[in-house]
Amino acid sequence: MIPFLLPILLQTVQTVPADSGEVHLRNIRQLTFGGQNAEAYFSRSGRQIILQRTEADSGCDQEFVMNVDGTGLHRVSSGKGRTTCGYFFADDRRIFYATTEHAGAACPPRPDYSKGYVWALFNYDIYVANADGSGARRITENPGYDAEGTLSPDGKTIVFTSLRDGDLDIYTMDLDGKDLKRLTHTLGYDGGPFFSPDGKQIVYRAWHPQTATDSSDYRALIAQNLVRPVRMDIWVMDADGSHQRQVTNLGGASFAPYFHPNGKRIIFASNYKNPRSRNFDLYLVNNDGSGLEQITTSPEFDAFPMFSPDGKQLVWASNRNGKVQGETNIFIADWIEAP
């Protein structure tokens, strides 16, 4: 057992009261305690969760797996470089994730925030491995950003974000990295894709510059492997990239979309009520942009929502109930469709 994980493994899962107005969430449980934990995604069986967690010794994100009740937390990535965006496939026997380890064992430095709030587009490539992390193998070899990968419902296709053609666009490929297809072509950030439950649509976040100044600023940051994610909305397209259409037009940053189990609504995170704040909440919206409904009301960060395969639970990352300001933990709740 890894020594620095002992306090985590011994921590008892804690029930946390819902905030006022969180009527769709019942029996909220906190699964992690301390540090930075995010992008927690269910296995196909719904019995496990893969997530990224900042390592205590290196200060760099690595991939971890735990049981859905918070027990058995263990690292499945190598501990080298920085990782993100883990996902199960092959009936939970295998995983894929993005990592920079091919570029060096050291943790790549964080971006220079003197340019404002920016995300670094690290030299990620996508790797596949056995569920315990063994046998890791690189399936993309692009000199740049390949990340944000998720899986089609039939288990045959990875959809992901890449900078390989000079812009942040969405692509699909087979599980071995072959049959690559580019789905988006508009200048700007298209990313964070997820398939609909029937596999016929893809939901994603996007921002496309509308002025020459915005385009110039975006291109200048991309040239430095940076992006400024302060304006984004939710979009949907068919699985082949056709019929791209904007769902939200809220202002601020709306991101981390995921389809509701009925395939007719989308859950996502947004700070549109106060775009300068870190107070993101979860919202539901119909696929046509109507019926916006707020799901979380905590005055803290709530994002990265995902429904369980059976639609009965919701997992997400939140700053709520933290012992230290700004820590992000993983929470799970029973989903109440009709409160």
C-alpha atoms as a PDB file:
ATOM      1  CA  MET A   1       0.000   0.000   0.000  1.00  0.00           C
ATOM      2  CA  ILE A   2       1.264   3.475  -0.834  1.00  0.00           C
ATOM      3  CA  PRO A   3       2.007   5.194   2.527  1.00  0.00           C
ATOM      4  CA  PHE A   4       0.571   8.618   1.658  1.00  0.00           C
ATOM      5  CA  LEU A   5      -2.758   6.997   0.806  1.00  0.00           C
ATOM      6  CA  LEU A   6      -3.259   5.530   4.274  1.00  0.00           C
ATOM      7  CA  PRO A   7      -5.236   8.488   5.702  1.00  0.00           C
ATOM      8  CA  ILE A   8      -7.477   8.447   2.616  1.00  0.00           C
ATOM      9  CA  LEU A   9      -8.162   4.747   2.779  1.00  0.00           C
ATOM     10  CA  LEU A  10      -8.972   4.900   6.480  1.00  0.00           C
ATOM     11  CA  GLN A  11     -11.337   7.864   6.132  1.00  0.00           C
ATOM     12  CA  THR A  12     -14.984   6.931   6.614  1.00  0.00           C
ATOM     13  CA  VAL A  13     -17.392   7.986   3.887  1.00  0.00           C
ATOM     14  CA  GLN A  14     -19.377  10.904   5.238  1.00  0.00           C
ATOM     15  CA  THR A  15     -22.994  11.848   4.610  1.00  0.00           C
ATOM     16  CA  VAL A  16     -23.332  15.541   3.793  1.00  0.00           C
ATOM     17  CA  PRO A  17     -26.624  17.458   3.925  1.00  0.00           C
ATOM     18  CA  ALA A  18     -27.950  18.865   0.674  1.00  0.00           C
ATOM     19  CA  ASP A  19     -28.007  22.627   0.361  1.00  0.00           C
ATOM     20  CA  SER A  20     -31.336  24.430   0.158  1.00  0.00           C
ATOM     21  CA  GLY A  21     -32.978  23.809  -3.187  1.00  0.00           C
ATOM     22  CA  GLU A  22     -30.982  20.689  -4.082  1.00  0.00           C
ATOM     23  CA  VAL A  23     -34.172  18.675  -4.419  1.00  0.00           C
ATOM     24  CA  HIS A  24     -32.844  16.218  -7.006  1.00  0.00           C
ATOM     25  CA  LEU A  25     -30.053  15.063  -4.663  1.00  0.00           C
ATOM     26  CA  ARG A  26     -30.650  12.710  -1.748  1.00  0.00           C
ATOM     27  CA  ASN A  27     -28.253  10.868   0.550  1.00  0.00           C
ATOM     28  CA  ILE A  28     -25.164  12.845  -0.524  1.00  0.00           C
ATOM     29  CA  ARG A  29     -21.952  11.023   0.416  1.00  0.00           C
ATOM     30  CA  GLN A  30     -18.421  12.421   0.359  1.00  0.00           C
ATOM     31  CA  LEU A  31     -16.030   9.828  -1.108  1.00  0.00           C
ATOM     32  CA  THR A  32     -12.651  11.618  -0.917  1.00  0.00           C
ATOM     33  CA  PHE A  33     -11.185  13.847   1.758  1.00  0.00           C
ATOM     34  CA  GLY A  34      -8.596  16.506   1.051  1.00  0.00           C
ATOM     35  CA  GLY A  35      -6.492  17.660  -1.878  1.00  0.00           C
ATOM     36  CA  GLN A  36      -7.707  18.004  -5.434  1.00  0.00           C
ATOM     37  CA  ASN A  37      -9.973  15.263  -6.804  1.00  0.00           C
ATOM     38  CA  ALA A  38     -11.906  15.652 -10.047  1.00  0.00           C
ATOM     39  CA  GLU A  39     -13.263  14.076 -13.244  1.00  0.00           C
ATOM     40  CA  ALA A  40     -14.743  11.044 -11.507  1.00  0.00           C
ATOM     41  CA  TYR A  41     -16.382   8.690 -14.013  1.00  0.00           C
ATOM     42  CA  PHE A  42     -18.337   5.494 -13.411  1.00  0.00           C
ATOM     43  CA  SER A  43     -17.280   2.116 -14.733  1.00  0.00           C
ATOM     44  CA  ARG A  44     -19.774   0.386 -17.024  1.00  0.00           C
ATOM     45  CA  SER A  45     -20.921  -1.829 -14.124  1.00  0.00           C
ATOM     46  CA  GLY A  46     -21.403   1.213 -11.887  1.00  0.00           C
ATOM     47  CA  ARG A  47     -19.381  -0.475  -9.147  1.00  0.00           C
ATOM     48  CA  GLN A  48     -16.173   1.541  -9.544  1.00  0.00           C
ATOM     49  CA  ILE A  49     -15.106   5.106 -10.274  1.00  0.00           C
ATOM     50  CA  ILE A  50     -11.951   6.331 -11.993  1.00  0.00           C
ATOM     51  CA  LEU A  51     -10.751   9.823 -11.086  1.00  0.00           C
ATOM     52  CA  GLN A  52      -7.769  12.119 -11.220  1.00  0.00           C
ATOM     53  CA  ARG A  53      -6.155  13.104  -7.946  1.00  0.00           C
ATOM     54  CA  THR A  54      -3.211  15.331  -7.111  1.00  0.00           C
ATOM     55  CA  GLU A  55      -0.391  13.249  -5.650  1.00  0.00           C
ATOM     56  CA  ALA A  56       0.787  14.440  -2.253  1.00  0.00           C
ATOM     57  CA  ASP A  57       4.493  14.054  -3.020  1.00  0.00           C
ATOM     58  CA  SER A  58       4.733  15.326  -6.609  1.00  0.00           C
ATOM     59  CA  GLY A  59       1.837  17.775  -6.664  1.00  0.00           C
ATOM     60  CA  CYS A  60       0.833  16.302 -10.023  1.00  0.00           C
ATOM     61  CA  ASP A  61      -2.441  14.691 -11.132  1.00  0.00           C
ATOM     62  CA  GLN A  62      -2.524  10.905 -11.437  1.00  0.00           C
ATOM     63  CA  GLU A  63      -5.303   8.427 -12.183  1.00  0.00           C
ATOM     64  CA  PHE A  64      -6.936   6.524  -9.317  1.00  0.00           C
ATOM     65  CA  VAL A  65      -9.703   3.957  -9.050  1.00  0.00           C
ATOM     66  CA  MET A  66     -12.006   3.391  -6.078  1.00  0.00           C
ATOM     67  CA  ASN A  67     -15.156   1.478  -5.326  1.00  0.00           C
ATOM     68  CA  VAL A  68     -18.418   3.382  -5.620  1.00  0.00           C
ATOM     69  CA  ASP A  69     -18.659   3.488  -1.807  1.00  0.00           C
ATOM     70  CA  GLY A  70     -15.283   5.249  -1.561  1.00  0.00           C
ATOM     71  CA  THR A  71     -13.274   2.218  -0.428  1.00  0.00           C
ATOM     72  CA  GLY A  72     -10.223   0.742  -2.099  1.00  0.00           C
ATOM     73  CA  LEU A  73      -8.719   3.945  -3.497  1.00  0.00           C
ATOM     74  CA  HIS A  74      -5.534   3.104  -5.403  1.00  0.00           C
ATOM     75  CA  ARG A  75      -3.417   4.621  -8.142  1.00  0.00           C
ATOM     76  CA  VAL A  76      -3.555   3.023 -11.590  1.00  0.00           C
ATOM     77  CA  SER A  77      -1.282   5.369 -13.566  1.00  0.00           C
ATOM     78  CA  SER A  78       2.502   5.141 -13.362  1.00  0.00           C
ATOM     79  CA  GLY A  79       3.115   8.146 -11.121  1.00  0.00           C
ATOM     80  CA  LYS A  80       5.214   9.773 -13.871  1.00  0.00           C
ATOM     81  CA  GLY A  81       4.303  13.021 -15.587  1.00  0.00           C
ATOM     82  CA  ARG A  82       0.771  14.415 -15.335  1.00  0.00           C
ATOM     83  CA  THR A  83      -2.430  12.544 -16.185  1.00  0.00           C
ATOM     84  CA  THR A  84      -6.056  13.437 -16.858  1.00  0.00           C
ATOM     85  CA  CYS A  85      -9.353  12.073 -18.171  1.00  0.00           C
ATOM     86  CA  GLY A  86      -9.449   8.393 -17.226  1.00  0.00           C
ATOM     87  CA  TYR A  87     -12.187   6.067 -18.483  1.00  0.00           C
ATOM     88  CA  PHE A  88     -13.097   2.379 -18.270  1.00  0.00           C
ATOM     89  CA  PHE A  89     -13.639   0.157 -21.305  1.00  0.00           C
ATOM     90  CA  ALA A  90     -13.727  -3.539 -22.290  1.00  0.00           C
ATOM     91  CA  ASP A  91     -16.388  -4.295 -19.651  1.00  0.00           C
ATOM     92  CA  ASP A  92     -14.251  -2.642 -16.962  1.00  0.00           C
ATOM     93  CA  ARG A  93     -11.252  -4.873 -17.640  1.00  0.00           C
ATOM     94  CA  ARG A  94      -9.278  -2.000 -19.153  1.00  0.00           C
ATOM     95  CA  ILE A  95      -8.870   1.766 -18.845  1.00  0.00           C
ATOM     96  CA  PHE A  96      -7.586   4.623 -20.972  1.00  0.00           C
ATOM     97  CA  TYR A  97      -6.295   8.012 -19.871  1.00  0.00           C
ATOM     98  CA  ALA A  98      -4.116  10.875 -21.059  1.00  0.00           C
ATOM     99  CA  THR A  99      -0.600  11.339 -19.710  1.00  0.00           C
ATOM    100  CA  THR A 100       2.590  13.314 -20.354  1.00  0.00           C
ATOM    101  CA  GLU A 101       4.910  10.555 -19.108  1.00  0.00           C
ATOM    102  CA  HIS A 102       6.375   9.957 -22.589  1.00  0.00           C
ATOM    103  CA  ALA A 103       7.695  13.540 -22.421  1.00  0.00           C
ATOM    104  CA  GLY A 104       9.419  12.950 -19.087  1.00  0.00           C
ATOM    105  CA  ALA A 105       8.869  11.623 -15.588  1.00  0.00           C
ATOM    106  CA  ALA A 106       8.796  15.091 -14.014  1.00  0.00           C
ATOM    107  CA  CYS A 107       5.546  16.949 -13.456  1.00  0.00           C
ATOM    108  CA  PRO A 108       5.212  19.651 -16.149  1.00  0.00           C
ATOM    109  CA  PRO A 109       5.020  23.159 -14.682  1.00  0.00           C
ATOM    110  CA  ARG A 110       1.732  24.952 -14.237  1.00  0.00           C
ATOM    111  CA  PRO A 111       0.930  27.787 -16.663  1.00  0.00           C
ATOM    112  CA  ASP A 112       1.941  31.401 -16.129  1.00  0.00           C
ATOM    113  CA  TYR A 113      -1.137  33.084 -14.668  1.00  0.00           C
ATOM    114  CA  SER A 114       0.297  36.530 -15.372  1.00  0.00           C
ATOM    115  CA  LYS A 115      -1.550  36.070 -18.687  1.00  0.00           C
ATOM    116  CA  GLY A 116      -4.813  35.763 -16.751  1.00  0.00           C
ATOM    117  CA  TYR A 117      -6.670  32.539 -16.024  1.00  0.00           C
ATOM    118  CA  VAL A 118      -5.450  30.036 -18.619  1.00  0.00           C
ATOM    119  CA  TRP A 119      -5.302  26.271 -19.004  1.00  0.00           C
ATOM    120  CA  ALA A 120      -2.068  24.656 -20.140  1.00  0.00           C
ATOM    121  CA  LEU A 121      -2.356  22.336 -23.127  1.00  0.00           C
ATOM    122  CA  PHE A 122       0.208  19.825 -21.900  1.00  0.00           C
ATOM    123  CA  ASN A 123       1.842  17.302 -24.207  1.00  0.00           C
ATOM    124  CA  TYR A 124      -0.705  14.601 -23.417  1.00  0.00           C
ATOM    125  CA  ASP A 125      -1.113  11.391 -25.350  1.00  0.00           C
ATOM    126  CA  ILE A 126      -3.740   8.743 -24.728  1.00  0.00           C
ATOM    127  CA  TYR A 127      -2.708   5.395 -23.233  1.00  0.00           C
ATOM    128  CA  VAL A 128      -4.649   2.177 -22.707  1.00  0.00           C
ATOM    129  CA  ALA A 129      -3.911  -0.199 -19.827  1.00  0.00           C
ATOM    130  CA  ASN A 130      -5.347  -3.047 -17.827  1.00  0.00           C
ATOM    131  CA  ALA A 131      -7.736  -1.941 -15.082  1.00  0.00           C
ATOM    132  CA  ASP A 132      -4.983  -2.299 -12.471  1.00  0.00           C
ATOM    133  CA  GLY A 133      -2.702  -0.012 -14.500  1.00  0.00           C
ATOM    134  CA  SER A 134      -0.442  -2.754 -15.842  1.00  0.00           C
ATOM    135  CA  GLY A 135       0.470  -3.122 -19.498  1.00  0.00           C
ATOM    136  CA  ALA A 136       0.085   0.574 -20.332  1.00  0.00           C
ATOM    137  CA  ARG A 137       0.450   1.310 -24.052  1.00  0.00           C
ATOM    138  CA  ARG A 138       0.374   4.603 -25.945  1.00  0.00           C
ATOM    139  CA  ILE A 139      -2.192   4.788 -28.762  1.00  0.00           C
ATOM    140  CA  THR A 140      -1.728   8.395 -29.906  1.00  0.00           C
ATOM    141  CA  GLU A 141       1.669   9.836 -30.821  1.00  0.00           C
ATOM    142  CA  ASN A 142       0.835  13.413 -31.618  1.00  0.00           C
ATOM    143  CA  PRO A 143       3.381  16.103 -30.616  1.00  0.00           C
ATOM    144  CA  GLY A 144       0.801  18.095 -28.682  1.00  0.00           C
ATOM    145  CA  TYR A 145      -2.443  17.845 -26.771  1.00  0.00           C
ATOM    146  CA  ASP A 146      -4.531  14.641 -26.972  1.00  0.00           C
ATOM    147  CA  ALA A 147      -6.878  14.322 -23.983  1.00  0.00           C
ATOM    148  CA  GLU A 148     -10.488  14.555 -22.742  1.00  0.00           C
ATOM    149  CA  GLY A 149     -11.273  11.059 -24.012  1.00  0.00           C
ATOM    150  CA  THR A 150     -14.535   9.214 -23.295  1.00  0.00           C
ATOM    151  CA  LEU A 151     -16.194   6.106 -24.730  1.00  0.00           C
ATOM    152  CA  SER A 152     -19.164   5.358 -26.985  1.00  0.00           C
ATOM    153  CA  PRO A 153     -21.992   3.263 -25.461  1.00  0.00           C
ATOM    154  CA  ASP A 154     -21.120   0.288 -27.683  1.00  0.00           C
ATOM    155  CA  GLY A 155     -17.563   0.372 -26.351  1.00  0.00           C
ATOM    156  CA  LYS A 156     -15.948   0.681 -29.781  1.00  0.00           C
ATOM    157  CA  THR A 157     -15.073   4.369 -30.186  1.00  0.00           C
ATOM    158  CA  ILE A 158     -13.088   6.927 -28.221  1.00  0.00           C
ATOM    159  CA  VAL A 159     -14.091  10.564 -28.678  1.00  0.00           C
ATOM    160  CA  PHE A 160     -11.449  13.075 -27.576  1.00  0.00           C
ATOM    161  CA  THR A 161      -9.979  16.558 -27.979  1.00  0.00           C
ATOM    162  CA  SER A 162      -6.772  17.196 -29.897  1.00  0.00           C
ATOM    163  CA  LEU A 163      -4.536  20.041 -31.030  1.00  0.00           C
ATOM    164  CA  ARG A 164      -3.011  17.913 -33.803  1.00  0.00           C
ATOM    165  CA  ASP A 165      -4.288  20.132 -36.623  1.00  0.00           C
ATOM    166  CA  GLY A 166      -3.458  23.432 -34.944  1.00  0.00           C
ATOM    167  CA  ASP A 167      -6.807  24.046 -33.234  1.00  0.00           C
ATOM    168  CA  LEU A 168      -8.668  22.442 -30.329  1.00  0.00           C
ATOM    169  CA  ASP A 169     -11.070  20.115 -32.089  1.00  0.00           C
ATOM    170  CA  ILE A 170     -12.994  16.915 -31.410  1.00  0.00           C
ATOM    171  CA  TYR A 171     -11.997  13.614 -33.009  1.00  0.00           C
ATOM    172  CA  THR A 172     -13.018   9.980 -32.825  1.00  0.00           C
ATOM    173  CA  MET A 173     -10.842   6.899 -33.150  1.00  0.00           C
ATOM    174  CA  ASP A 174     -10.941   3.167 -32.553  1.00  0.00           C
ATOM    175  CA  LEU A 175      -9.656   1.670 -29.299  1.00  0.00           C
ATOM    176  CA  ASP A 176      -6.286   1.048 -30.943  1.00  0.00           C
ATOM    177  CA  GLY A 177      -5.944   4.652 -32.156  1.00  0.00           C
ATOM    178  CA  LYS A 178      -6.843   3.859 -35.772  1.00  0.00           C
ATOM    179  CA  ASP A 179      -9.654   5.156 -38.009  1.00  0.00           C
ATOM    180  CA  LEU A 180      -9.124   8.753 -36.864  1.00  0.00           C
ATOM    181  CA  LYS A 181     -11.898  11.187 -37.813  1.00  0.00           C
ATOM    182  CA  ARG A 182     -12.055  14.943 -37.188  1.00  0.00           C
ATOM    183  CA  LEU A 183     -15.558  16.118 -36.254  1.00  0.00           C
ATOM    184  CA  THR A 184     -15.217  19.879 -35.637  1.00  0.00           C
ATOM    185  CA  HIS A 185     -13.518  22.496 -37.824  1.00  0.00           C
ATOM    186  CA  THR A 186     -14.580  25.931 -36.518  1.00  0.00           C
ATOM    187  CA  LEU A 187     -11.795  28.041 -35.004  1.00  0.00           C
ATOM    188  CA  GLY A 188     -11.994  27.902 -31.204  1.00  0.00           C
ATOM    189  CA  TYR A 189     -12.117  25.443 -28.342  1.00  0.00           C
ATOM    190  CA  ASP A 190     -14.295  22.376 -28.946  1.00  0.00           C
ATOM    191  CA  GLY A 191     -13.807  19.838 -26.174  1.00  0.00           C
ATOM    192  CA  GLY A 192     -15.067  17.775 -23.260  1.00  0.00           C
ATOM    193  CA  PRO A 193     -17.127  15.418 -25.477  1.00  0.00           C
ATOM    194  CA  PHE A 194     -19.512  12.685 -24.295  1.00  0.00           C
ATOM    195  CA  PHE A 195     -21.776  10.410 -26.308  1.00  0.00           C
ATOM    196  CA  SER A 196     -25.529  10.281 -25.749  1.00  0.00           C
ATOM    197  CA  PRO A 197     -26.936   7.062 -24.227  1.00  0.00           C
ATOM    198  CA  ASP A 198     -27.931   5.781 -27.674  1.00  0.00           C
ATOM    199  CA  GLY A 199     -24.576   6.748 -29.198  1.00  0.00           C
ATOM    200  CA  LYS A 200     -26.186   8.917 -31.887  1.00  0.00           C
ATOM    201  CA  GLN A 201     -25.119  12.326 -30.540  1.00  0.00           C
ATOM    202  CA  ILE A 202     -22.140  13.977 -28.841  1.00  0.00           C
ATOM    203  CA  VAL A 203     -22.411  16.796 -26.327  1.00  0.00           C
ATOM    204  CA  TYR A 204     -19.436  19.103 -25.823  1.00  0.00           C
ATOM    205  CA  ARG A 205     -18.298  22.523 -24.651  1.00  0.00           C
ATOM    206  CA  ALA A 206     -17.230  25.147 -27.152  1.00  0.00           C
ATOM    207  CA  TRP A 207     -16.156  28.736 -27.609  1.00  0.00           C
ATOM    208  CA  HIS A 208     -15.620  30.182 -31.085  1.00  0.00           C
ATOM    209  CA  PRO A 209     -14.121  33.685 -31.368  1.00  0.00           C
ATOM    210  CA  GLN A 210     -16.466  36.173 -33.008  1.00  0.00           C
ATOM    211  CA  THR A 211     -14.117  39.103 -33.607  1.00  0.00           C
ATOM    212  CA  ALA A 212     -10.695  39.581 -35.158  1.00  0.00           C
ATOM    213  CA  THR A 213      -9.320  40.566 -31.759  1.00  0.00           C
ATOM    214  CA  ASP A 214     -10.697  37.438 -30.104  1.00  0.00           C
ATOM    215  CA  SER A 215      -9.326  35.268 -32.906  1.00  0.00           C
ATOM    216  CA  SER A 216      -5.894  36.858 -32.623  1.00  0.00           C
ATOM    217  CA  ASP A 217      -5.834  36.422 -28.849  1.00  0.00           C
ATOM    218  CA  TYR A 218      -6.947  32.791 -29.146  1.00  0.00           C
ATOM    219  CA  ARG A 219      -4.326  31.961 -31.781  1.00  0.00           C
ATOM    220  CA  ALA A 220      -1.567  33.670 -29.770  1.00  0.00           C
ATOM    221  CA  LEU A 221      -2.400  31.580 -26.704  1.00  0.00           C
ATOM    222  CA  ILE A 222      -2.666  28.356 -28.735  1.00  0.00           C
ATOM    223  CA  ALA A 223       0.832  29.026 -30.089  1.00  0.00           C
ATOM    224  CA  GLN A 224       2.008  28.953 -26.466  1.00  0.00           C
ATOM    225  CA  ASN A 225      -0.027  25.784 -25.719  1.00  0.00           C
ATOM    226  CA  LEU A 226      -2.500  27.763 -23.628  1.00  0.00           C
ATOM    227  CA  VAL A 227      -6.236  28.434 -23.780  1.00  0.00           C
ATOM    228  CA  ARG A 228      -8.410  30.878 -21.846  1.00  0.00           C
ATOM    229  CA  PRO A 229     -11.565  28.988 -20.748  1.00  0.00           C
ATOM    230  CA  VAL A 230     -13.607  31.897 -19.407  1.00  0.00           C
ATOM    231  CA  ARG A 231     -16.309  31.791 -22.090  1.00  0.00           C
ATOM    232  CA  MET A 232     -17.870  28.503 -23.148  1.00  0.00           C
ATOM    233  CA  ASP A 233     -21.294  27.142 -23.967  1.00  0.00           C
ATOM    234  CA  ILE A 234     -22.806  23.703 -24.446  1.00  0.00           C
ATOM    235  CA  TRP A 235     -23.150  22.286 -27.961  1.00  0.00           C
ATOM    236  CA  VAL A 236     -24.515  19.074 -29.460  1.00  0.00           C
ATOM    237  CA  MET A 237     -23.726  17.339 -32.748  1.00  0.00           C
ATOM    238  CA  ASP A 238     -24.515  14.030 -34.384  1.00  0.00           C
ATOM    239  CA  ALA A 239     -21.955  11.295 -33.789  1.00  0.00           C
ATOM    240  CA  ASP A 240     -20.478  11.803 -37.263  1.00  0.00           C
ATOM    241  CA  GLY A 241     -19.925  15.531 -36.638  1.00  0.00           C
ATOM    242  CA  SER A 242     -22.955  16.744 -38.588  1.00  0.00           C
ATOM    243  CA  HIS A 243     -25.730  19.067 -37.360  1.00  0.00           C
ATOM    244  CA  GLN A 244     -23.592  21.001 -34.887  1.00  0.00           C
ATOM    245  CA  ARG A 245     -25.814  23.278 -32.833  1.00  0.00           C
ATOM    246  CA  GLN A 246     -25.462  25.508 -29.785  1.00  0.00           C
ATOM    247  CA  VAL A 247     -27.614  24.540 -26.792  1.00  0.00           C
ATOM    248  CA  THR A 248     -26.830  27.275 -24.249  1.00  0.00           C
ATOM    249  CA  ASN A 249     -26.051  30.971 -24.594  1.00  0.00           C
ATOM    250  CA  LEU A 250     -25.576  31.971 -20.998  1.00  0.00           C
ATOM    251  CA  GLY A 251     -22.364  33.964 -20.746  1.00  0.00           C
ATOM    252  CA  GLY A 252     -19.576  32.935 -18.434  1.00  0.00           C
ATOM    253  CA  ALA A 253     -18.175  29.419 -18.670  1.00  0.00           C
ATOM    254  CA  SER A 254     -20.486  26.444 -19.137  1.00  0.00           C
ATOM    255  CA  PHE A 255     -18.631  23.142 -19.369  1.00  0.00           C
ATOM    256  CA  ALA A 256     -18.476  19.474 -18.281  1.00  0.00           C
ATOM    257  CA  PRO A 257     -21.698  18.429 -20.056  1.00  0.00           C
ATOM    258  CA  TYR A 258     -23.169  14.948 -19.762  1.00  0.00           C
ATOM    259  CA  PHE A 259     -26.417  13.543 -21.129  1.00  0.00           C
ATOM    260  CA  HIS A 260     -29.307  12.781 -18.809  1.00  0.00           C
ATOM    261  CA  PRO A 261     -30.212   9.048 -18.987  1.00  0.00           C
ATOM    262  CA  ASN A 262     -33.253   9.854 -21.137  1.00  0.00           C
ATOM    263  CA  GLY A 263     -30.996  11.399 -23.803  1.00  0.00           C
ATOM    264  CA  LYS A 264     -33.265  14.455 -24.015  1.00  0.00           C
ATOM    265  CA  ARG A 265     -31.573  16.657 -21.426  1.00  0.00           C
ATOM    266  CA  ILE A 266     -28.021  17.632 -20.512  1.00  0.00           C
ATOM    267  CA  ILE A 267     -26.448  18.232 -17.122  1.00  0.00           C
ATOM    268  CA  PHE A 268     -23.507  20.647 -17.004  1.00  0.00           C
ATOM    269  CA  ALA A 269     -21.599  23.112 -14.816  1.00  0.00           C
ATOM    270  CA  SER A 270     -21.739  26.884 -15.204  1.00  0.00           C
ATOM    271  CA  ASN A 271     -20.804  30.125 -13.451  1.00  0.00           C
ATOM    272  CA  TYR A 272     -23.042  32.236 -15.702  1.00  0.00           C
ATOM    273  CA  LYS A 273     -24.734  33.960 -12.759  1.00  0.00           C
ATOM    274  CA  ASN A 274     -21.371  35.419 -11.738  1.00  0.00           C
ATOM    275  CA  PRO A 275     -18.868  34.825 -14.545  1.00  0.00           C
ATOM    276  CA  ARG A 276     -15.948  36.235 -12.574  1.00  0.00           C
ATOM    277  CA  SER A 277     -16.409  33.785  -9.709  1.00  0.00           C
ATOM    278  CA  ARG A 278     -15.470  30.174  -9.022  1.00  0.00           C
ATOM    279  CA  ASN A 279     -19.019  29.484  -7.880  1.00  0.00           C
ATOM    280  CA  PHE A 280     -19.974  26.919 -10.513  1.00  0.00           C
ATOM    281  CA  ASP A 281     -23.257  25.064 -10.082  1.00  0.00           C
ATOM    282  CA  LEU A 282     -24.824  22.132 -11.892  1.00  0.00           C
ATOM    283  CA  TYR A 283     -27.746  22.745 -14.241  1.00  0.00           C
ATOM    284  CA  LEU A 284     -30.075  20.665 -16.396  1.00  0.00           C
ATOM    285  CA  VAL A 285     -31.254  21.874 -19.791  1.00  0.00           C
ATOM    286  CA  ASN A 286     -33.264  20.362 -22.621  1.00  0.00           C
ATOM    287  CA  ASN A 287     -31.353  19.506 -25.790  1.00  0.00           C
ATOM    288  CA  ASP A 288     -32.966  22.488 -27.538  1.00  0.00           C
ATOM    289  CA  GLY A 289     -31.805  24.924 -24.834  1.00  0.00           C
ATOM    290  CA  SER A 290     -35.167  25.266 -23.084  1.00  0.00           C
ATOM    291  CA  GLY A 291     -36.092  24.357 -19.520  1.00  0.00           C
ATOM    292  CA  LEU A 292     -32.932  25.439 -17.700  1.00  0.00           C
ATOM    293  CA  GLU A 293     -33.035  24.114 -14.115  1.00  0.00           C
ATOM    294  CA  GLN A 294     -30.476  24.631 -11.343  1.00  0.00           C
ATOM    295  CA  ILE A 295     -29.456  21.397  -9.580  1.00  0.00           C
ATOM    296  CA  THR A 296     -26.839  22.477  -6.998  1.00  0.00           C
ATOM    297  CA  THR A 297     -26.978  25.620  -4.902  1.00  0.00           C
ATOM    298  CA  SER A 298     -23.800  25.375  -2.822  1.00  0.00           C
ATOM    299  CA  PRO A 299     -21.830  28.667  -2.768  1.00  0.00           C
ATOM    300  CA  GLU A 300     -18.795  26.627  -3.826  1.00  0.00           C
ATOM    301  CA  PHE A 301     -17.491  24.910  -6.963  1.00  0.00           C
ATOM    302  CA  ASP A 302     -19.664  22.046  -8.304  1.00  0.00           C
ATOM    303  CA  ALA A 303     -18.737  20.445 -11.638  1.00  0.00           C
ATOM    304  CA  PHE A 304     -17.907  17.282 -13.624  1.00  0.00           C
ATOM    305  CA  PRO A 305     -21.292  15.560 -13.181  1.00  0.00           C
ATOM    306  CA  MET A 306     -21.952  12.032 -14.454  1.00  0.00           C
ATOM    307  CA  PHE A 307     -24.988   9.797 -14.051  1.00  0.00           C
ATOM    308  CA  SER A 308     -24.480   6.173 -13.076  1.00  0.00           C
ATOM    309  CA  PRO A 309     -25.176   3.596 -15.805  1.00  0.00           C
ATOM    310  CA  ASP A 310     -28.561   2.812 -14.249  1.00  0.00           C
ATOM    311  CA  GLY A 311     -29.420   6.508 -13.886  1.00  0.00           C
ATOM    312  CA  LYS A 312     -30.017   6.196 -10.149  1.00  0.00           C
ATOM    313  CA  GLN A 313     -26.981   8.115  -8.913  1.00  0.00           C
ATOM    314  CA  LEU A 314     -24.995  11.237  -9.750  1.00  0.00           C
ATOM    315  CA  VAL A 315     -21.283  11.666  -9.076  1.00  0.00           C
ATOM    316  CA  TRP A 316     -19.557  15.056  -9.233  1.00  0.00           C
ATOM    317  CA  ALA A 317     -16.665  17.101  -7.852  1.00  0.00           C
ATOM    318  CA  SER A 318     -17.242  19.890  -5.343  1.00  0.00           C
ATOM    319  CA  ASN A 319     -15.517  22.282  -2.945  1.00  0.00           C
ATOM    320  CA  ARG A 320     -18.344  21.819  -0.423  1.00  0.00           C
ATOM    321  CA  ASN A 321     -17.566  20.531   3.080  1.00  0.00           C
ATOM    322  CA  GLY A 322     -13.835  21.108   2.642  1.00  0.00           C
ATOM    323  CA  LYS A 323     -11.525  21.320   5.619  1.00  0.00           C
ATOM    324  CA  VAL A 324      -9.227  23.602   3.639  1.00  0.00           C
ATOM    325  CA  GLN A 325     -10.366  26.430   1.376  1.00  0.00           C
ATOM    326  CA  GLY A 326     -10.359  25.337  -2.246  1.00  0.00           C
ATOM    327  CA  GLU A 327      -9.993  21.589  -1.792  1.00  0.00           C
ATOM    328  CA  THR A 328     -12.032  19.575  -4.265  1.00  0.00           C
ATOM    329  CA  ASN A 329     -13.587  16.238  -3.375  1.00  0.00           C
ATOM    330  CA  ILE A 330     -15.789  13.641  -5.018  1.00  0.00           C
ATOM    331  CA  PHE A 331     -19.431  13.321  -3.973  1.00  0.00           C
ATOM    332  CA  ILE A 332     -22.157  10.889  -4.928  1.00  0.00           C
ATOM    333  CA  ALA A 333     -25.915  11.188  -4.396  1.00  0.00           C
ATOM    334  CA  ASP A 334     -29.082   9.312  -5.160  1.00  0.00           C
ATOM    335  CA  TRP A 335     -30.794  11.011  -8.097  1.00  0.00           C
ATOM    336  CA  ILE A 336     -34.418  11.992  -7.530  1.00  0.00           C
ATOM    337  CA  GLU A 337     -35.952  12.510 -10.940  1.00  0.00           C
ATOM    338  CA  ALA A 338     -39.295  13.880  -9.745  1.00  0.00           C
ATOM    339  CA  PRO A 339     -38.829  15.418  -6.265  1.00  0.00           C
END
